[in-house]
Protein backbone atom coordinates (compact mmCIF):
# COMPACT_ATOMS: atom_id res chain seq x y z
CA MET A 1 37.04 -13.84 -28.90
CA LYS A 2 37.22 -11.31 -26.17
CA HIS A 3 33.61 -10.69 -26.40
CA TYR A 4 32.83 -14.33 -26.18
CA ILE A 5 34.65 -14.81 -23.07
CA ARG A 6 33.18 -11.91 -21.33
CA PHE A 7 30.11 -13.20 -22.15
CA ILE A 8 30.77 -16.60 -20.57
CA ALA A 9 32.00 -14.74 -17.61
CA VAL A 10 28.87 -12.79 -17.02
CA PHE A 11 26.73 -15.95 -17.64
CA THR A 12 28.52 -18.04 -15.47
CA CYS A 13 28.18 -15.08 -12.80
CA ALA A 14 24.16 -15.04 -13.40
CA LEU A 15 23.89 -18.62 -12.38
CA ALA A 16 26.45 -18.99 -9.81
CA SER A 17 26.53 -19.59 -5.89
CA VAL A 18 28.27 -17.39 -3.21
CA GLY A 19 31.49 -18.64 -3.87
CA ALA A 20 31.68 -17.87 -7.54
CA CYS A 21 30.74 -14.41 -7.52
CA GLY A 22 29.81 -13.04 -4.22
CA ILE A 23 26.10 -13.20 -4.95
CA HIS A 24 23.32 -15.92 -4.00
CA ALA A 25 22.11 -16.33 -7.32
CA ALA A 26 20.69 -19.53 -5.96
CA ASN A 27 18.77 -17.94 -3.11
CA LEU A 28 17.85 -14.41 -3.02
CA ARG A 29 17.06 -13.56 0.51
CA ILE A 30 14.88 -10.31 1.11
CA GLY A 31 14.21 -8.51 4.26
CA LEU A 32 10.57 -7.25 4.27
CA SER A 33 9.96 -4.23 6.60
CA ALA A 34 6.10 -5.35 7.87
CA ASP A 35 4.24 -8.35 9.03
CA VAL A 36 2.28 -10.53 7.09
CA THR A 37 -1.20 -11.86 8.20
CA THR A 38 -2.28 -14.44 5.57
CA MET A 39 -1.30 -15.98 2.27
CA ASP A 40 -4.99 -15.46 1.42
CA PRO A 41 -4.82 -13.39 -1.58
CA HIS A 42 -8.44 -12.05 -1.03
CA PHE A 43 -8.81 -11.66 2.39
CA LEU A 44 -6.88 -8.25 3.70
CA ALA A 45 -5.92 -5.80 1.27
CA SER A 46 -2.70 -4.61 2.94
CA GLN A 47 0.48 -3.78 1.19
CA PRO A 48 2.60 -6.63 2.95
CA ASN A 49 0.00 -9.30 2.20
CA LEU A 50 -0.07 -8.36 -1.50
CA THR A 51 3.82 -8.34 -1.61
CA VAL A 52 3.88 -12.09 -0.95
CA GLY A 53 1.05 -12.94 -2.61
CA TYR A 54 1.98 -11.36 -5.95
CA HIS A 55 4.86 -13.55 -5.86
CA VAL A 56 2.74 -16.81 -6.36
CA PHE A 57 -0.27 -15.08 -8.09
CA ASP A 58 -1.09 -12.56 -11.04
CA ALA A 59 -3.63 -10.36 -11.44
CA LEU A 60 -5.39 -9.41 -14.91
CA VAL A 61 -3.33 -6.12 -14.70
CA HIS A 62 -0.06 -5.26 -13.81
CA VAL A 63 1.81 -2.10 -13.41
CA ASP A 64 5.31 -0.73 -14.35
CA GLU A 65 7.80 0.96 -12.04
CA ARG A 66 6.24 4.35 -12.23
CA THR A 67 2.74 2.69 -11.52
CA ARG A 68 1.46 2.66 -15.45
CA LEU A 69 -0.88 -0.03 -16.36
CA ILE A 70 0.91 -2.88 -18.30
CA PRO A 71 -0.44 -6.04 -19.51
CA GLY A 72 -0.51 -9.12 -16.70
CA LEU A 73 -2.58 -12.23 -17.46
CA ALA A 74 -4.65 -10.15 -19.70
CA LYS A 75 -2.48 -9.38 -22.84
CA SER A 76 -4.92 -6.61 -23.79
CA TRP A 77 -8.25 -4.88 -22.55
CA ARG A 78 -10.79 -2.41 -23.72
CA ALA A 79 -13.77 -0.56 -23.34
CA VAL A 80 -16.52 -1.97 -25.69
CA ASP A 81 -19.11 0.67 -24.64
CA ALA A 82 -19.46 2.96 -21.40
CA THR A 83 -20.20 0.16 -19.33
CA THR A 84 -18.65 -3.24 -20.73
CA TRP A 85 -15.12 -4.14 -20.47
CA GLU A 86 -13.26 -6.99 -22.18
CA PHE A 87 -10.09 -8.48 -21.59
CA SER A 88 -8.44 -10.96 -23.72
CA LEU A 89 -6.47 -13.70 -21.53
CA ARG A 90 -3.07 -14.77 -22.42
CA PRO A 91 -3.12 -18.32 -24.01
CA GLY A 92 -1.00 -21.30 -22.58
CA VAL A 93 -0.68 -19.67 -18.97
CA LYS A 94 -0.77 -22.65 -16.42
CA PHE A 95 -1.02 -22.73 -12.63
CA HIS A 96 1.90 -24.14 -10.73
CA ASP A 97 0.18 -27.87 -10.59
CA GLY A 98 0.28 -28.09 -14.52
CA SER A 99 -3.32 -26.99 -14.79
CA ASP A 100 -4.58 -24.44 -17.52
CA LEU A 101 -5.73 -21.05 -16.59
CA THR A 102 -9.35 -20.67 -17.76
CA ALA A 103 -11.88 -18.00 -17.98
CA GLU A 104 -13.77 -19.63 -15.56
CA ASP A 105 -10.57 -19.52 -12.96
CA VAL A 106 -10.85 -15.46 -13.55
CA ILE A 107 -14.38 -15.09 -13.30
CA PHE A 108 -14.45 -17.51 -9.95
CA SER A 109 -11.60 -15.03 -8.38
CA LEU A 110 -13.69 -11.71 -9.20
CA GLU A 111 -16.58 -13.02 -7.41
CA ARG A 112 -14.45 -14.78 -4.31
CA PRO A 113 -13.68 -11.45 -2.41
CA LEU A 114 -17.43 -10.89 -1.87
CA ASN A 115 -17.64 -14.54 -0.25
CA ILE A 116 -15.22 -14.73 2.01
CA LYS A 117 -16.55 -14.85 5.74
CA GLY A 118 -14.64 -12.95 8.03
CA SER A 119 -12.28 -10.83 6.00
CA PRO A 120 -11.34 -7.57 7.50
CA GLY A 121 -11.81 -5.91 3.93
CA GLY A 122 -10.30 -4.29 0.96
CA PHE A 123 -10.88 -6.26 -1.80
CA ALA A 124 -14.50 -5.94 -2.17
CA ALA A 125 -14.14 -2.59 -3.45
CA TYR A 126 -12.36 -3.37 -6.48
CA VAL A 127 -14.76 -6.10 -7.72
CA ARG A 128 -18.23 -4.66 -6.37
CA PRO A 129 -18.73 -2.34 -9.33
CA ILE A 130 -18.88 -5.47 -11.59
CA VAL A 131 -22.70 -6.46 -11.89
CA SER A 132 -22.24 -9.17 -14.65
CA LYS A 133 -19.50 -11.52 -16.03
CA GLU A 134 -19.27 -12.94 -19.33
CA ILE A 135 -17.36 -15.52 -20.92
CA VAL A 136 -17.45 -14.69 -24.51
CA ASP A 137 -14.82 -17.51 -25.09
CA SER A 138 -11.86 -19.40 -23.52
CA LEU A 139 -9.43 -16.46 -23.49
CA THR A 140 -12.16 -13.60 -23.50
CA ILE A 141 -13.99 -12.32 -20.62
CA ARG A 142 -16.57 -9.14 -20.58
CA LEU A 143 -16.94 -7.44 -17.32
CA LYS A 144 -20.25 -5.03 -17.16
CA THR A 145 -20.54 -2.27 -14.57
CA ALA A 146 -24.06 -0.85 -13.57
CA THR A 147 -23.00 2.86 -14.77
CA PRO A 148 -19.63 3.65 -16.59
CA TYR A 149 -16.66 3.23 -14.66
CA GLY A 150 -13.18 4.08 -15.92
CA ALA A 151 -11.21 2.67 -12.82
CA LEU A 152 -11.94 -1.02 -13.49
CA PRO A 153 -8.37 -1.84 -15.20
CA GLN A 154 -6.73 -0.10 -12.20
CA ASP A 155 -8.86 -2.03 -9.56
CA LEU A 156 -8.18 -5.32 -11.04
CA ASN A 157 -4.70 -4.83 -10.52
CA SER A 158 -5.35 -5.78 -7.06
CA VAL A 159 -7.32 -8.73 -7.51
CA MET A 160 -5.26 -11.72 -7.81
CA ILE A 161 -6.09 -15.04 -9.95
CA VAL A 162 -6.59 -18.36 -7.95
CA SER A 163 -7.25 -21.78 -9.36
CA LYS A 164 -11.05 -22.43 -8.88
CA LYS A 165 -10.78 -26.10 -8.21
CA LEU A 166 -8.29 -25.42 -5.23
CA ALA A 167 -9.95 -22.19 -3.73
CA ALA A 168 -13.51 -23.14 -4.18
CA ASN A 169 -14.05 -24.05 -0.55
CA ALA A 170 -10.57 -22.68 0.81
CA ALA A 171 -10.17 -20.66 3.91
CA PRO A 172 -6.96 -18.53 4.65
CA GLU A 173 -5.75 -21.27 7.00
CA ASP A 174 -5.73 -23.29 3.63
CA PHE A 175 -3.42 -20.98 1.88
CA ASP A 176 -1.34 -20.11 4.72
CA SER A 177 -0.57 -24.10 4.74
CA GLY A 178 -0.19 -24.12 0.97
CA ARG A 179 -2.93 -26.57 -0.13
CA ALA A 180 -4.57 -23.68 -1.81
CA THR A 181 -1.26 -21.70 -2.61
CA ILE A 182 -1.06 -22.44 -6.37
CA GLY A 183 -0.86 -19.73 -8.62
CA THR A 184 0.35 -18.58 -12.01
CA GLY A 185 3.39 -16.11 -10.65
CA PRO A 186 6.96 -16.38 -10.64
CA PHE A 187 7.46 -18.34 -7.77
CA LYS A 188 5.95 -21.62 -6.28
CA PHE A 189 5.17 -21.55 -2.58
CA VAL A 190 6.99 -23.68 -0.21
CA ARG A 191 6.30 -22.55 3.60
CA PHE A 192 5.04 -19.65 5.46
CA GLU A 193 6.32 -19.45 8.98
CA ARG A 194 4.27 -16.81 10.39
CA SER A 195 6.05 -13.68 11.54
CA ASP A 196 9.45 -15.10 10.38
CA ARG A 197 9.60 -16.14 6.78
CA ILE A 198 8.18 -17.01 3.45
CA GLU A 199 9.70 -19.50 1.35
CA TYR A 200 9.43 -19.84 -2.33
CA VAL A 201 10.99 -21.69 -5.47
CA ARG A 202 11.19 -20.76 -8.82
CA ASN A 203 8.23 -21.23 -11.26
CA ASP A 204 10.50 -22.56 -14.50
CA ASN A 205 7.27 -21.95 -16.68
CA TYR A 206 6.77 -18.47 -15.81
CA TRP A 207 4.61 -16.78 -18.82
CA GLY A 208 6.60 -13.46 -17.95
CA GLY A 209 9.92 -14.84 -18.06
CA ARG A 210 12.17 -17.23 -16.19
CA PRO A 211 13.48 -15.61 -12.71
CA ALA A 212 17.04 -15.40 -12.07
CA TRP A 213 16.82 -17.02 -8.40
CA ASP A 214 16.50 -20.99 -8.07
CA LYS A 215 14.81 -20.15 -4.29
CA LEU A 216 13.76 -17.23 -2.80
CA THR A 217 13.19 -16.47 1.06
CA LEU A 218 11.38 -13.42 2.19
CA ARG A 219 12.40 -12.76 5.74
CA ILE A 220 9.75 -10.68 7.79
CA ILE A 221 11.83 -8.23 9.87
CA PRO A 222 9.55 -4.97 11.18
CA THR A 223 12.71 -3.90 13.12
CA ASP A 224 14.74 -1.45 11.09
CA PRO A 225 18.27 -2.01 12.97
CA VAL A 226 17.83 -5.70 12.80
CA ARG A 227 16.91 -5.61 9.29
CA THR A 228 20.01 -3.53 8.46
CA ALA A 229 22.24 -5.58 10.30
CA ALA A 230 20.99 -8.80 8.91
CA LEU A 231 22.05 -7.09 5.32
CA LEU A 232 25.44 -6.12 6.86
CA SER A 233 26.37 -9.54 8.11
CA GLY A 234 25.63 -11.02 4.85
CA GLU A 235 22.47 -12.82 6.11
CA LEU A 236 20.28 -11.01 3.54
CA ASP A 237 21.25 -9.88 -0.17
CA VAL A 238 18.26 -6.93 -0.02
CA ILE A 239 16.12 -5.07 1.99
CA GLU A 240 13.36 -2.88 1.75
CA HIS A 241 12.46 0.55 3.16
CA VAL A 242 16.11 1.68 4.38
CA PRO A 243 16.06 3.25 7.83
CA PRO A 244 16.83 6.87 7.18
CA ALA A 245 19.36 6.88 10.24
CA ASP A 246 21.17 4.10 8.26
CA ARG A 247 21.32 5.69 4.88
CA GLN A 248 24.68 7.24 5.10
CA ARG A 249 26.33 4.46 6.53
CA LEU A 250 25.05 1.98 3.79
CA LEU A 251 25.78 4.52 1.30
CA LYS A 252 29.29 4.39 2.08
CA ASN A 253 29.58 0.56 1.81
CA ASN A 254 31.21 -0.18 -1.17
CA LYS A 255 29.56 -3.91 -0.92
CA LEU A 256 26.07 -2.41 -1.13
CA ARG A 257 24.23 -0.23 -3.13
CA LEU A 258 21.01 1.62 -2.96
CA GLU A 259 18.08 2.51 -5.01
CA GLN A 260 15.24 4.98 -4.09
CA THR A 261 12.38 6.85 -5.29
CA VAL A 262 9.47 9.29 -4.31
CA SER A 263 7.00 6.72 -3.34
CA TRP A 264 3.22 6.75 -4.07
CA ARG A 265 2.31 6.38 -0.11
CA THR A 266 1.29 9.64 2.04
CA ILE A 267 1.53 9.33 5.62
CA PHE A 268 -1.37 11.28 7.36
CA LEU A 269 -3.62 11.39 10.57
CA HIS A 270 -7.28 10.32 10.65
CA LEU A 271 -9.25 12.44 13.27
CA ASP A 272 -12.62 10.79 14.64
CA GLN A 273 -15.56 13.31 13.43
CA TYR A 274 -18.45 10.83 14.01
CA ARG A 275 -18.85 10.38 17.66
CA ARG A 276 -19.94 13.19 19.85
CA GLN A 277 -17.79 11.56 22.50
CA SER A 278 -14.48 9.70 21.58
CA PRO A 279 -12.63 7.24 23.97
CA LEU A 280 -9.51 8.81 24.12
CA ILE A 281 -10.07 12.56 24.39
CA THR A 282 -10.71 14.18 27.55
CA ASP A 283 -10.21 17.83 28.94
CA SER A 284 -6.94 19.03 30.29
CA ALA A 285 -7.58 16.86 33.78
CA GLY A 286 -8.89 13.85 31.94
CA LYS A 287 -12.63 14.19 32.10
CA PRO A 288 -14.53 13.23 29.13
CA LEU A 289 -15.59 16.26 27.08
CA ALA A 290 -19.00 16.91 26.16
CA LYS A 291 -18.45 17.08 22.99
CA ASN A 292 -15.91 15.91 20.29
CA PRO A 293 -13.46 18.69 19.26
CA PHE A 294 -12.26 16.63 16.15
CA MET A 295 -16.06 17.54 14.65
CA ASP A 296 -15.06 21.25 14.41
CA VAL A 297 -13.28 21.95 11.29
CA ARG A 298 -11.44 25.03 13.11
CA VAL A 299 -9.97 22.41 15.61
CA ARG A 300 -8.75 20.38 12.55
CA ARG A 301 -7.18 23.05 10.91
CA ALA A 302 -5.40 24.32 14.06
CA MET A 303 -4.00 20.73 14.63
CA SER A 304 -2.65 20.96 10.98
CA MET A 305 -1.19 24.15 11.40
CA ALA A 306 0.58 23.09 14.70
CA ILE A 307 2.45 20.54 12.73
CA ASN A 308 6.15 21.59 11.38
CA ARG A 309 6.40 19.18 8.36
CA PRO A 310 9.50 20.31 7.25
CA ALA A 311 11.18 19.90 10.57
CA ILE A 312 9.66 16.13 10.26
CA VAL A 313 11.13 15.82 6.86
CA GLU A 314 14.50 17.25 7.76
CA GLN A 315 14.80 15.79 11.50
CA VAL A 316 12.83 12.40 11.59
CA MET A 317 12.76 11.29 7.93
CA GLU A 318 16.25 12.69 7.24
CA LYS A 319 15.15 13.99 4.02
CA LEU A 320 13.52 10.97 2.92
CA ALA A 321 10.31 12.31 2.39
CA VAL A 322 8.49 15.29 1.05
CA PRO A 323 5.84 17.42 3.12
CA ALA A 324 2.13 16.62 1.77
CA ALA A 325 -0.76 18.65 1.25
CA ASN A 326 -2.55 16.01 -0.80
CA ILE A 327 -3.98 12.39 -0.46
CA VAL A 328 -1.71 10.99 -3.27
CA SER A 329 1.91 11.78 -3.84
CA PRO A 330 3.27 14.09 -6.98
CA GLY A 331 3.14 12.26 -10.27
CA VAL A 332 0.50 10.10 -9.25
CA PHE A 333 -3.09 10.59 -11.00
CA GLY A 334 -5.50 12.91 -9.36
CA HIS A 335 -2.47 14.79 -7.27
CA ASN A 336 -3.87 18.22 -7.44
CA PRO A 337 -0.87 20.44 -7.62
CA GLN A 338 -3.47 23.94 -6.23
CA LEU A 339 -3.16 22.39 -2.80
CA LYS A 340 -0.63 23.98 -0.73
CA VAL A 341 1.13 22.54 2.58
CA ASP A 342 -0.02 24.11 5.49
CA ILE A 343 2.53 26.68 6.79
CA PHE A 344 3.69 25.83 10.57
CA ASN A 345 2.47 28.77 12.98
CA ALA A 346 1.69 27.56 16.36
CA GLU A 347 0.40 30.80 17.79
CA ALA A 348 -1.95 31.01 15.16
CA ALA A 349 -3.32 27.47 15.84
CA LYS A 350 -3.82 28.25 19.49
CA LYS A 351 -5.64 31.24 18.31
CA LEU A 352 -7.79 29.17 16.30
CA LEU A 353 -8.08 26.70 19.20
CA ALA A 354 -9.35 29.08 21.57
CA GLU A 355 -11.85 30.69 18.84
CA ALA A 356 -13.27 27.11 18.76
CA GLY A 357 -13.82 26.88 22.35
CA TYR A 358 -10.73 25.63 23.75
CA PRO A 359 -8.34 28.26 25.06
CA ASN A 360 -7.01 25.72 27.56
CA GLY A 361 -6.67 22.90 24.64
CA PHE A 362 -7.72 19.51 25.29
CA ALA A 363 -6.14 15.70 25.95
CA VAL A 364 -5.68 13.31 22.99
CA THR A 365 -3.88 9.73 22.61
CA LEU A 366 -2.17 9.52 19.14
CA SER A 367 -2.27 5.89 17.90
CA GLY A 368 -0.13 4.33 15.33
CA PRO A 369 2.09 1.61 14.15
CA ASN A 370 5.56 1.10 15.31
CA ASN A 371 6.94 -1.36 12.58
CA ARG A 372 5.15 -0.38 9.44
CA TYR A 373 6.17 2.99 7.87
CA ILE A 374 9.43 4.54 8.05
CA ASN A 375 10.44 5.61 11.24
CA ASP A 376 6.75 5.51 12.19
CA GLU A 377 6.70 5.89 15.83
CA GLN A 378 9.59 8.46 15.86
CA VAL A 379 6.76 10.78 13.63
CA LEU A 380 4.16 9.93 16.17
CA GLN A 381 6.36 11.26 18.86
CA ALA A 382 7.10 14.30 16.67
CA VAL A 383 3.63 15.12 15.83
CA ALA A 384 2.75 14.54 19.57
CA GLN A 385 5.30 16.84 20.64
CA MET A 386 4.16 19.54 18.40
CA LEU A 387 0.66 19.65 19.23
CA THR A 388 1.39 19.81 23.01
CA ARG A 389 3.38 23.01 22.21
CA ALA A 390 0.23 24.36 20.82
CA GLY A 391 -2.07 23.60 23.64
CA ILE A 392 -3.30 19.86 23.01
CA GLN A 393 -1.83 17.59 25.30
CA THR A 394 -1.30 14.41 23.24
CA LYS A 395 0.51 11.22 24.29
CA VAL A 396 1.69 8.32 22.06
CA GLU A 397 0.14 4.61 21.92
CA ALA A 398 2.48 2.93 19.40
CA LEU A 399 1.72 -0.90 18.57
CA PRO A 400 2.99 -3.59 16.41
CA LEU A 401 0.51 -3.29 13.09
CA SER A 402 -1.31 -6.23 14.02
CA ALA A 403 -2.55 -5.26 17.29
CA TYR A 404 -3.01 -1.44 16.15
CA LEU A 405 -5.21 -2.52 13.33
CA GLY A 406 -7.38 -4.47 15.54
CA LYS A 407 -7.69 -1.63 18.07
CA VAL A 408 -8.98 0.56 15.09
CA ARG A 409 -11.39 -1.84 13.58
CA LYS A 410 -13.01 -2.25 17.35
CA GLN A 411 -13.24 1.93 17.11
CA GLU A 412 -10.88 2.05 20.08
CA THR A 413 -8.98 4.90 18.40
CA SER A 414 -9.74 8.72 18.09
CA PHE A 415 -6.82 9.69 16.51
CA SER A 416 -4.79 7.74 14.15
CA LEU A 417 -1.69 7.31 11.77
CA LEU A 418 -2.45 5.79 8.39
CA GLY A 419 -0.37 5.39 5.22
CA TRP A 420 -1.54 5.02 1.82
CA GLY A 421 -0.69 4.44 -1.55
CA SER A 422 -2.88 4.30 -4.56
CA PHE A 423 -2.85 4.47 -8.38
CA ALA A 424 -5.11 7.40 -8.60
CA GLY A 425 -6.63 10.11 -6.23
CA ASP A 426 -10.09 8.83 -6.70
CA LEU A 427 -9.31 5.24 -5.63
CA ALA A 428 -7.51 6.79 -2.80
CA LEU A 429 -10.84 8.82 -1.82
CA ARG A 430 -12.92 6.02 -2.56
CA SER A 431 -11.38 4.02 0.60
CA LEU A 432 -10.52 6.81 2.73
CA LEU A 433 -12.95 9.27 2.75
CA ALA A 434 -16.05 8.55 0.87
CA THR A 435 -19.28 8.13 3.16
CA PRO A 436 -19.00 4.38 4.18
CA THR A 437 -21.19 2.65 1.83
CA PRO A 438 -20.39 -1.07 2.40
CA ASP A 439 -22.82 -2.14 -0.78
CA LYS A 440 -20.74 0.02 -2.81
CA GLY A 441 -17.58 -0.85 -1.30
CA TRP A 442 -16.62 2.94 -0.14
CA GLY A 443 -14.84 4.16 2.85
CA ALA A 444 -13.49 0.64 4.09
CA TRP A 445 -10.48 2.67 5.29
CA ASN A 446 -12.40 5.69 6.36
CA TRP A 447 -11.50 5.51 10.33
CA ALA A 448 -12.55 9.10 10.83
CA ARG A 449 -16.26 8.26 9.13
CA TYR A 450 -15.54 11.77 7.44
CA SER A 451 -18.85 12.33 5.10
CA ASN A 452 -19.39 15.18 2.32
CA ALA A 453 -21.97 14.75 -0.02
CA LYS A 454 -20.26 16.89 -2.63
CA MET A 455 -17.10 15.16 -2.50
CA ASP A 456 -19.18 11.84 -2.87
CA ARG A 457 -20.41 13.42 -5.92
CA LEU A 458 -17.60 14.65 -7.62
CA LEU A 459 -15.79 11.17 -6.76
CA ALA A 460 -18.88 9.22 -8.36
CA GLN A 461 -18.31 11.34 -11.31
CA SER A 462 -14.61 10.88 -11.41
CA LEU A 463 -15.02 6.82 -11.23
CA ALA A 464 -17.77 7.16 -14.09
CA THR A 465 -15.47 9.15 -16.61
CA VAL A 466 -13.85 7.03 -19.07
CA ASP A 467 -12.16 10.14 -20.56
CA SER A 468 -8.43 10.66 -18.30
CA LYS A 469 -8.53 13.98 -18.41
CA GLN A 470 -11.93 14.78 -17.48
CA ARG A 471 -11.93 11.94 -14.91
CA GLU A 472 -8.63 13.45 -13.30
CA ALA A 473 -10.35 16.90 -13.07
CA TYR A 474 -13.13 15.44 -10.94
CA ALA A 475 -10.56 13.95 -8.75
CA ARG A 476 -8.58 16.96 -8.18
CA GLU A 477 -11.61 19.18 -7.15
CA ALA A 478 -13.13 16.11 -4.95
CA VAL A 479 -9.81 15.96 -2.78
CA ALA A 480 -9.85 19.79 -2.88
CA VAL A 481 -13.07 19.64 -1.24
CA ALA A 482 -11.92 17.09 1.27
CA MET A 483 -8.73 19.29 2.18
CA ALA A 484 -10.90 22.37 2.31
CA GLU A 485 -12.49 20.64 5.55
CA VAL A 486 -9.29 18.93 6.74
CA ALA A 487 -11.18 15.53 6.47
CA VAL A 488 -7.73 14.36 7.25
CA ILE A 489 -4.34 15.75 8.00
CA PRO A 490 -1.63 14.88 5.39
CA LEU A 491 1.94 14.72 6.94
CA HIS A 492 4.21 13.77 4.22
CA HIS A 493 5.09 11.37 0.98
CA GLN A 494 7.67 8.83 1.92
CA VAL A 495 10.69 8.51 -0.22
CA VAL A 496 11.08 4.46 -0.74
CA SER A 497 14.64 2.94 -0.51
CA TRP A 498 16.07 -0.44 -1.27
CA ALA A 499 19.69 -1.38 -0.02
CA MET A 500 21.32 -4.53 -1.94
CA LYS A 501 24.49 -6.35 -2.49
CA SER A 502 26.58 -4.27 -5.25
CA ASN A 503 25.98 -7.23 -7.93
CA VAL A 504 22.29 -7.03 -7.32
CA GLN A 505 19.98 -4.60 -9.19
CA TYR A 506 16.71 -3.49 -9.08
CA VAL A 507 14.37 -0.67 -10.82
CA PRO A 508 13.10 1.38 -7.56
CA ARG A 509 9.10 1.42 -7.83
CA THR A 510 6.93 4.28 -7.06
CA ASP A 511 4.39 1.57 -5.62
CA GLU A 512 6.91 0.54 -3.07
CA PHE A 513 6.45 -3.05 -3.65
CA THR A 514 9.57 -5.48 -3.34
CA PHE A 515 9.31 -8.18 -6.41
CA ALA A 516 11.88 -10.41 -6.45
CA HIS A 517 11.82 -11.51 -10.07
CA LEU A 518 12.47 -7.89 -10.86
CA PHE A 519 15.85 -8.44 -8.78
CA LYS A 520 18.66 -9.14 -11.48
CA PRO A 521 22.21 -10.19 -10.91
CA ARG A 522 24.72 -7.36 -12.23
C-alpha cells in the first residue's frame, strides 16, 4: 500500500503545475545561450539553429549523450558494399500534420541542402558524397557514394528530414513563419519571435515517446548575467552554458542543481594564411605590412607559445575548460593523444618572431563573438594581452555572433576565434582545415584558407575507410600534420554545464545540445 501511495504521488508530480510540486511540468522554459538565425533546418549549420530544429524535426541517425550513433528515423543501417549504405526506416512515423513519413520525404531532404539559394553553407558537405539514391521499398533506401565513405551515418545525423509536400518550394521565411515547419520530432512548432523565443507544444504521437512537457519555450538569452538572473528569479526552469562566474553561487543554492561534462567543443584561433596582405594586420606604426606574417609557420608557432592556456583555463574559464592541442576533445573519435599542449614561453616566442623577421613585432586585430561561447569576450581579451606582452600588439573586436559571422564571410577579418564540435576528427578537419573545394563540400569553415596536400590525402583516406580502427589512425595522422604547421591555434576544450531547478533532471551531453524532451521531472 505504501508503494502504491508513493507511485501516485510521483505520478501526480510528473504531471503537475507549479502549485503542486514546484515545477512547471506543463511548460518547460529553457534559456539558450546563443541567437537563432532561422527555423529552416537546411540553411545554416550552426549549433543554435540545429538545437531548435531538432525539437521539431528528426534525422535518420541520432546520437546519445556520449556522441555514439543510435537509431533515429532509421531503425537500422548497414554497409551493403564499399560504396552502398542501406537505411531501414521506422514504420508508422507521422508528420505533425498527420501525414505519413515516406522514403520520398527522406530522399527530398537529402537533396534540398544542395538547392537552397543564398545559404551561408554547412549542410551541403553532409550530403555531397551521395551520388545516387534508391528507394528499395516504402521503408528502405539505399545511398551510393562515388568512393568508399565510412562517415556517412555520422553526416546524416545533421540532416533533418522535412515534408516534401510542404518544403518543396519553401524558403527560410516559410519555416520562420511556421508554414513549412512540420516535422516528426517531439514538439510541434508554434511561434518564432526572432532574437527572443521559440514556442512549441508537445507532439503526443512522437515515435520516440511522449515528452514530459505540454509546452516548451526556448528563450534566446545570450547575455550570461541575464540568463542566470532569469533562472534565479524563477522565470526559467533551465539554462544552458552556465557562466563560470556564477557556478559556485548556483551550486550553493539548494533549489537548483548543476550537470556538466567535458564538451566536444574546441575553441581555437584561425589565422589568415591565404592573402599576401591581410586587412587587419599592420606594422607597429599602423602601416600595412608588405607581407602577411601569418603565412610564416614560425610566426604562428610563436603566437601559440605566447598563449598561457592553463592561465586561461584557471582564471578566465574558472576551470570549466581543458587546455587543447587537438581539433577535437579527448574521447572523441580521432583525437590524437600524442599531440601535446604548447608550453607557455613568452621569451622563446619573441626570439622566434625575431627569427621570422619581426623583431619589433607587428599589430593585429583579434575578432570574435561576444555572445556565443563560454566567456568568449574574456578569452579574446586574455589572448590579446598575452600576445601583446610577446611583442604582437593585439586589439580585440568582439561582436554579436550574427554580425561577427557576417564580417568573416565577407573576408573582413585576419585573426578570428571559432568554436567547433564534431563526432570525429576527420569530420572536423573536413570542415575546418581541408583545402576549400566547393564541389566536395570541403573547407566550408576554413576561414584561414589553410591548405596542405598531405593532410588532404590522409583526410580522404580516413573518410573513405569503413574499418573504424584504420579510419581513426588516418584521422589522427591527418590532424598531426595540420598541428605541426600550426594550421590553427587550439586554446581549450569547453566543459559544458546546465543549471536547473532541483526537481528537473538531465543527462549532460558531450555534444552540448539542449534537448527539452530529454529533461525529466524528478
